[in-house]
Amino acid sequence: MDKVLVEVYVPAAEKEFDVFLPLESKLYEVLHLLAGTLTELSDGHFAATPDTILCDRSNGEILNINSTVGENRLANGTKLMLI
């Protein structure tokens, strides 16, 4: 299984997390897992909701959750934001 290492920034917690993402996974699956995990790791500063989104940190573009990690062109070192 091929994976990429990305950095996920959570503004509500003012923290960054390094995460491995499988290239074949749909982003809606990744978003669900990230939201739950980072809610716990942020000590309650971030609370996931049904409106939680994952976007490119450099330009604010919202990622297509119906596409895979690879189809969204995420690569090692990509910086994302969970809001």
Protein backbone atom coordinates (compact mmCIF):
# COMPACT_ATOMS: atom_id res chain seq x y z
CA MET A 1 0.00 0.00 0.00
CA ASP A 2 1.46 3.35 -1.04
CA LYS A 3 1.17 6.17 1.44
CA VAL A 4 2.03 9.86 1.61
CA LEU A 5 3.09 11.85 4.65
CA VAL A 6 1.12 15.08 4.99
CA GLU A 7 0.94 17.79 7.62
CA VAL A 8 -2.53 18.58 8.97
CA TYR A 9 -2.98 21.93 10.73
CA VAL A 10 -5.92 22.36 13.11
CA PRO A 11 -6.48 26.11 13.63
CA ALA A 12 -8.85 25.60 16.58
CA ALA A 13 -6.07 23.87 18.50
CA GLU A 14 -3.20 25.80 16.90
CA LYS A 15 -1.41 22.47 16.36
CA GLU A 16 0.05 20.57 13.43
CA PHE A 17 0.03 16.80 13.04
CA ASP A 18 2.02 14.60 10.64
CA VAL A 19 -0.18 11.87 9.18
CA PHE A 20 0.36 9.02 6.71
CA LEU A 21 -2.50 8.70 4.20
CA PRO A 22 -3.02 5.72 1.87
CA LEU A 23 -3.20 6.88 -1.76
CA GLU A 24 -6.16 4.59 -2.55
CA SER A 25 -8.39 5.79 0.31
CA LYS A 26 -11.36 8.01 -0.44
CA LEU A 27 -11.01 11.39 1.21
CA TYR A 28 -14.37 11.09 2.99
CA GLU A 29 -12.96 8.05 4.84
CA VAL A 30 -9.76 9.91 5.66
CA LEU A 31 -11.72 12.98 6.81
CA HIS A 32 -13.87 10.87 9.14
CA LEU A 33 -10.84 9.19 10.72
CA LEU A 34 -8.81 12.41 10.95
CA ALA A 35 -11.68 14.35 12.51
CA GLY A 36 -12.19 11.75 15.22
CA THR A 37 -8.52 11.29 15.97
CA LEU A 38 -7.61 14.97 15.96
CA THR A 39 -10.59 15.79 18.16
CA GLU A 40 -9.03 13.55 20.80
CA LEU A 41 -5.45 14.74 20.23
CA SER A 42 -6.38 18.43 20.41
CA ASP A 43 -7.49 18.14 24.04
CA GLY A 44 -11.01 19.31 23.19
CA HIS A 45 -9.99 22.45 21.28
CA PHE A 46 -11.26 20.99 18.02
CA ALA A 47 -14.69 19.37 17.83
CA ALA A 48 -15.60 17.61 14.59
CA THR A 49 -19.03 18.34 13.10
CA PRO A 50 -20.81 17.15 9.94
CA ASP A 51 -19.53 20.37 8.31
CA THR A 52 -15.86 19.62 8.99
CA ILE A 53 -13.74 20.07 5.86
CA LEU A 54 -10.20 19.35 4.75
CA CYS A 55 -8.52 21.95 2.59
CA ASP A 56 -5.15 22.83 1.10
CA ARG A 57 -3.39 25.09 3.59
CA SER A 58 -1.48 27.07 0.96
CA ASN A 59 -4.48 28.26 -1.08
CA GLY A 60 -7.58 27.34 0.95
CA GLU A 61 -8.98 25.08 -1.77
CA ILE A 62 -11.46 22.56 -0.35
CA LEU A 63 -10.50 19.01 -1.29
CA ASN A 64 -12.95 16.72 -3.10
CA ILE A 65 -13.97 14.14 -0.52
CA ASN A 66 -15.39 11.84 -3.20
CA SER A 67 -11.94 11.36 -4.76
CA THR A 68 -9.01 9.38 -3.43
CA VAL A 69 -5.94 10.85 -1.77
CA GLY A 70 -4.00 10.21 -5.00
CA GLU A 71 -6.67 11.77 -7.21
CA ASN A 72 -6.50 14.91 -5.06
CA ARG A 73 -2.77 15.00 -5.91
CA LEU A 74 -1.66 14.88 -2.30
CA ALA A 75 2.04 14.14 -2.02
CA ASN A 76 4.70 13.89 0.68
CA GLY A 77 4.96 17.24 2.42
CA THR A 78 1.52 18.53 1.41
CA LYS A 79 0.13 20.91 4.02
CA LEU A 80 -3.56 20.55 4.80
CA MET A 81 -5.95 22.28 7.17
CA LEU A 82 -8.83 20.68 9.07
CA ILE A 83 -11.63 23.14 9.86
